[in-house]
């Protein structure tokens, strides 16, 4: 599958999921870049620890970190992400109900790879990204899928 086909599939899957959290605003990677120029943005990775161990968006916190001290993030803009945007959209909905300013990253970490953005692991920069398995291996061809 070409990268263009993968991007189209990510968009299709995200659009289907978006119906479950219609009140949550989403952002593309490029819109996130612009937002970061004007407000304090905290990316929140809602994936599980084994997924996060493979790689994360630089500067991210985990949902566990957020939940352990939510007051530390009051007044900051949160941007949730997962693999494609479904889990993070549902989580963003909960955060929104709790009074946070929150957006969901459209296409999530997979869209991040197609925008050719850096991912990090415990050792620094990496080209690995966790995907659910061979059928959901929709990362940019410049990245290595892990499942």
C-alpha atoms as a PDB file:
ATOM      1  CA  UNK A   1       0.000   0.000   0.000  1.00  0.00           C
ATOM      2  CA  UNK A   2       1.393   3.415  -0.922  1.00  0.00           C
ATOM      3  CA  UNK A   3       1.775   6.202   1.606  1.00  0.00           C
ATOM      4  CA  UNK A   4      -1.025   8.091  -0.137  1.00  0.00           C
ATOM      5  CA  UNK A   5      -3.312   5.070   0.204  1.00  0.00           C
ATOM      6  CA  UNK A   6      -2.327   4.745   3.864  1.00  0.00           C
ATOM      7  CA  UNK A   7      -3.173   8.408   4.505  1.00  0.00           C
ATOM      8  CA  UNK A   8      -6.559   7.976   2.844  1.00  0.00           C
ATOM      9  CA  UNK A   9      -7.245   4.926   5.016  1.00  0.00           C
ATOM     10  CA  UNK A  10      -6.247   6.831   8.167  1.00  0.00           C
ATOM     11  CA  UNK A  11      -8.639   9.644   7.201  1.00  0.00           C
ATOM     12  CA  UNK A  12     -11.447   7.157   6.545  1.00  0.00           C
ATOM     13  CA  UNK A  13     -10.942   5.348   9.853  1.00  0.00           C
ATOM     14  CA  UNK A  14     -10.716   8.616  11.782  1.00  0.00           C
ATOM     15  CA  UNK A  15     -13.887   9.980  10.164  1.00  0.00           C
ATOM     16  CA  UNK A  16     -15.743   6.836  11.205  1.00  0.00           C
ATOM     17  CA  UNK A  17     -14.507   7.169  14.808  1.00  0.00           C
ATOM     18  CA  UNK A  18     -15.185  10.914  14.983  1.00  0.00           C
ATOM     19  CA  UNK A  19     -18.923  10.183  15.092  1.00  0.00           C
ATOM     20  CA  UNK A  20     -18.438   8.892  18.665  1.00  0.00           C
ATOM     21  CA  UNK A  21     -17.035  12.191  19.974  1.00  0.00           C
ATOM     22  CA  UNK A  22     -18.676  14.895  17.845  1.00  0.00           C
ATOM     23  CA  UNK A  23     -18.190  17.690  20.388  1.00  0.00           C
ATOM     24  CA  UNK A  24     -14.415  17.325  20.431  1.00  0.00           C
ATOM     25  CA  UNK A  25     -12.481  19.588  18.089  1.00  0.00           C
ATOM     26  CA  UNK A  26      -9.643  17.985  16.213  1.00  0.00           C
ATOM     27  CA  UNK A  27      -6.399  19.354  14.852  1.00  0.00           C
ATOM     28  CA  UNK A  28      -4.152  18.254  12.036  1.00  0.00           C
ATOM     29  CA  UNK A  29      -0.423  18.051  12.671  1.00  0.00           C
ATOM     30  CA  UNK A  30       0.032  21.375  10.881  1.00  0.00           C
ATOM     31  CA  UNK A  31      -2.706  23.040  12.942  1.00  0.00           C
ATOM     32  CA  UNK A  32      -1.021  21.733  16.080  1.00  0.00           C
ATOM     33  CA  UNK A  33       2.213  23.413  14.969  1.00  0.00           C
ATOM     34  CA  UNK A  34       0.409  26.749  14.606  1.00  0.00           C
ATOM     35  CA  UNK A  35      -1.367  26.340  17.946  1.00  0.00           C
ATOM     36  CA  UNK A  36       1.953  25.688  19.687  1.00  0.00           C
ATOM     37  CA  UNK A  37       3.131  29.108  18.504  1.00  0.00           C
ATOM     38  CA  UNK A  38       0.399  30.917  20.443  1.00  0.00           C
ATOM     39  CA  UNK A  39      -0.491  28.802  23.497  1.00  0.00           C
ATOM     40  CA  UNK A  40       1.117  26.342  25.908  1.00  0.00           C
ATOM     41  CA  UNK A  41       0.245  22.928  24.444  1.00  0.00           C
ATOM     42  CA  UNK A  42       0.676  19.604  26.215  1.00  0.00           C
ATOM     43  CA  UNK A  43       0.373  16.472  24.041  1.00  0.00           C
ATOM     44  CA  UNK A  44      -1.258  13.630  25.988  1.00  0.00           C
ATOM     45  CA  UNK A  45      -0.565  10.055  24.874  1.00  0.00           C
ATOM     46  CA  UNK A  46      -3.545   7.876  25.815  1.00  0.00           C
ATOM     47  CA  UNK A  47      -2.095   4.616  24.494  1.00  0.00           C
ATOM     48  CA  UNK A  48      -1.068   1.851  26.865  1.00  0.00           C
ATOM     49  CA  UNK A  49       2.464   1.622  28.308  1.00  0.00           C
ATOM     50  CA  UNK A  50       3.802  -0.999  25.853  1.00  0.00           C
ATOM     51  CA  UNK A  51       2.744   1.235  22.944  1.00  0.00           C
ATOM     52  CA  UNK A  52       4.260   4.303  24.604  1.00  0.00           C
ATOM     53  CA  UNK A  53       7.523   2.430  25.195  1.00  0.00           C
ATOM     54  CA  UNK A  54       7.986   2.067  21.430  1.00  0.00           C
ATOM     55  CA  UNK A  55       7.711   5.813  20.803  1.00  0.00           C
ATOM     56  CA  UNK A  56       5.889   8.998  21.694  1.00  0.00           C
ATOM     57  CA  UNK A  57       5.536  12.492  20.298  1.00  0.00           C
ATOM     58  CA  UNK A  58       8.265  14.657  21.882  1.00  0.00           C
ATOM     59  CA  UNK A  59       7.116  16.590  24.936  1.00  0.00           C
ATOM     60  CA  UNK A  60       4.167  14.298  25.597  1.00  0.00           C
ATOM     61  CA  UNK A  61       2.852  13.166  28.917  1.00  0.00           C
ATOM     62  CA  UNK A  62       0.847  10.005  29.443  1.00  0.00           C
ATOM     63  CA  UNK A  63      -2.794   9.992  30.474  1.00  0.00           C
ATOM     64  CA  UNK A  64      -1.611   8.404  33.730  1.00  0.00           C
ATOM     65  CA  UNK A  65       0.640  11.395  34.404  1.00  0.00           C
ATOM     66  CA  UNK A  66      -2.228  13.773  33.700  1.00  0.00           C
ATOM     67  CA  UNK A  67      -4.584  11.892  35.982  1.00  0.00           C
ATOM     68  CA  UNK A  68      -2.039  11.771  38.815  1.00  0.00           C
ATOM     69  CA  UNK A  69      -1.923  15.583  39.021  1.00  0.00           C
ATOM     70  CA  UNK A  70      -4.599  17.219  36.855  1.00  0.00           C
ATOM     71  CA  UNK A  71      -4.182  20.596  38.573  1.00  0.00           C
ATOM     72  CA  UNK A  72      -0.658  20.834  37.135  1.00  0.00           C
ATOM     73  CA  UNK A  73      -2.226  21.116  33.681  1.00  0.00           C
ATOM     74  CA  UNK A  74      -5.042  23.537  34.485  1.00  0.00           C
ATOM     75  CA  UNK A  75      -5.072  26.458  32.079  1.00  0.00           C
ATOM     76  CA  UNK A  76      -2.957  24.624  29.517  1.00  0.00           C
ATOM     77  CA  UNK A  77      -4.214  23.351  26.185  1.00  0.00           C
ATOM     78  CA  UNK A  78      -4.176  19.570  25.924  1.00  0.00           C
ATOM     79  CA  UNK A  79      -3.943  17.642  22.654  1.00  0.00           C
ATOM     80  CA  UNK A  80      -4.755  13.961  22.985  1.00  0.00           C
ATOM     81  CA  UNK A  81      -3.504  11.260  20.653  1.00  0.00           C
ATOM     82  CA  UNK A  82      -3.393   7.491  20.297  1.00  0.00           C
ATOM     83  CA  UNK A  83      -2.697   5.424  17.194  1.00  0.00           C
ATOM     84  CA  UNK A  84      -5.396   6.735  14.859  1.00  0.00           C
ATOM     85  CA  UNK A  85      -7.501   9.025  17.066  1.00  0.00           C
ATOM     86  CA  UNK A  86     -10.362   6.895  18.381  1.00  0.00           C
ATOM     87  CA  UNK A  87      -9.221   6.257  21.955  1.00  0.00           C
ATOM     88  CA  UNK A  88      -7.846   9.761  22.248  1.00  0.00           C
ATOM     89  CA  UNK A  89     -11.106  11.273  20.996  1.00  0.00           C
ATOM     90  CA  UNK A  90     -13.066   9.455  23.668  1.00  0.00           C
ATOM     91  CA  UNK A  91     -10.520  10.530  26.286  1.00  0.00           C
ATOM     92  CA  UNK A  92     -10.650  14.134  25.054  1.00  0.00           C
ATOM     93  CA  UNK A  93     -14.410  14.038  25.534  1.00  0.00           C
ATOM     94  CA  UNK A  94     -13.899  13.131  29.214  1.00  0.00           C
ATOM     95  CA  UNK A  95     -11.295  15.853  29.651  1.00  0.00           C
ATOM     96  CA  UNK A  96     -13.599  18.378  28.024  1.00  0.00           C
ATOM     97  CA  UNK A  97     -16.384  17.426  30.443  1.00  0.00           C
ATOM     98  CA  UNK A  98     -13.913  17.975  33.302  1.00  0.00           C
ATOM     99  CA  UNK A  99     -13.295  21.537  32.109  1.00  0.00           C
ATOM    100  CA  UNK A 100     -10.033  21.196  30.204  1.00  0.00           C
ATOM    101  CA  UNK A 101      -9.314  22.935  26.910  1.00  0.00           C
ATOM    102  CA  UNK A 102      -8.603  19.945  24.728  1.00  0.00           C
ATOM    103  CA  UNK A 103      -8.240  18.960  21.100  1.00  0.00           C
ATOM    104  CA  UNK A 104      -7.789  15.544  19.499  1.00  0.00           C
ATOM    105  CA  UNK A 105      -4.954  14.963  17.027  1.00  0.00           C
ATOM    106  CA  UNK A 106      -6.630  13.910  13.786  1.00  0.00           C
ATOM    107  CA  UNK A 107      -5.030  10.686  12.573  1.00  0.00           C
ATOM    108  CA  UNK A 108      -2.977  10.668  15.778  1.00  0.00           C
ATOM    109  CA  UNK A 109       0.536   9.225  15.787  1.00  0.00           C
ATOM    110  CA  UNK A 110       0.071   7.682  12.344  1.00  0.00           C
ATOM    111  CA  UNK A 111      -0.663  11.118  10.850  1.00  0.00           C
ATOM    112  CA  UNK A 112       2.382  12.375  12.759  1.00  0.00           C
ATOM    113  CA  UNK A 113       4.552   9.875  10.856  1.00  0.00           C
ATOM    114  CA  UNK A 114       3.113  10.977   7.511  1.00  0.00           C
ATOM    115  CA  UNK A 115       4.020  14.561   8.408  1.00  0.00           C
ATOM    116  CA  UNK A 116       7.595  13.255   8.867  1.00  0.00           C
ATOM    117  CA  UNK A 117       7.774  14.351  12.495  1.00  0.00           C
ATOM    118  CA  UNK A 118      10.144  13.128  15.148  1.00  0.00           C
ATOM    119  CA  UNK A 119       9.219  10.370  17.565  1.00  0.00           C
ATOM    120  CA  UNK A 120      11.159   9.583  20.716  1.00  0.00           C
ATOM    121  CA  UNK A 121      11.704   6.610  22.984  1.00  0.00           C
ATOM    122  CA  UNK A 122      13.696   6.230  26.188  1.00  0.00           C
ATOM    123  CA  UNK A 123      16.954   6.549  24.244  1.00  0.00           C
ATOM    124  CA  UNK A 124      16.085   9.527  22.033  1.00  0.00           C
ATOM    125  CA  UNK A 125      14.891   9.906  18.477  1.00  0.00           C
ATOM    126  CA  UNK A 126      13.424   6.800  16.819  1.00  0.00           C
ATOM    127  CA  UNK A 127      11.733   5.783  13.584  1.00  0.00           C
ATOM    128  CA  UNK A 128       9.666   3.064  15.283  1.00  0.00           C
ATOM    129  CA  UNK A 129       5.936   3.411  15.853  1.00  0.00           C
ATOM    130  CA  UNK A 130       3.534   0.999  17.507  1.00  0.00           C
ATOM    131  CA  UNK A 131       0.640  -0.167  15.338  1.00  0.00           C
ATOM    132  CA  UNK A 132      -2.021  -2.727  16.169  1.00  0.00           C
ATOM    133  CA  UNK A 133      -0.739  -5.350  13.752  1.00  0.00           C
ATOM    134  CA  UNK A 134      -0.115  -5.991  10.061  1.00  0.00           C
ATOM    135  CA  UNK A 135      -3.640  -4.923   9.053  1.00  0.00           C
ATOM    136  CA  UNK A 136      -3.290  -1.562  10.809  1.00  0.00           C
ATOM    137  CA  UNK A 137       0.250  -0.892   9.644  1.00  0.00           C
ATOM    138  CA  UNK A 138      -0.594   2.516   8.172  1.00  0.00           C
ATOM    139  CA  UNK A 139       2.540   4.405   9.195  1.00  0.00           C
ATOM    140  CA  UNK A 140       4.638   6.340   6.694  1.00  0.00           C
ATOM    141  CA  UNK A 141       7.038   4.099   4.801  1.00  0.00           C
ATOM    142  CA  UNK A 142       9.882   6.042   6.468  1.00  0.00           C
ATOM    143  CA  UNK A 143       8.944   4.518   9.853  1.00  0.00           C
ATOM    144  CA  UNK A 144       9.235   0.990  11.198  1.00  0.00           C
ATOM    145  CA  UNK A 145       6.032  -0.621  12.515  1.00  0.00           C
ATOM    146  CA  UNK A 146       6.079  -2.533  15.798  1.00  0.00           C
ATOM    147  CA  UNK A 147       3.265  -4.717  17.113  1.00  0.00           C
END
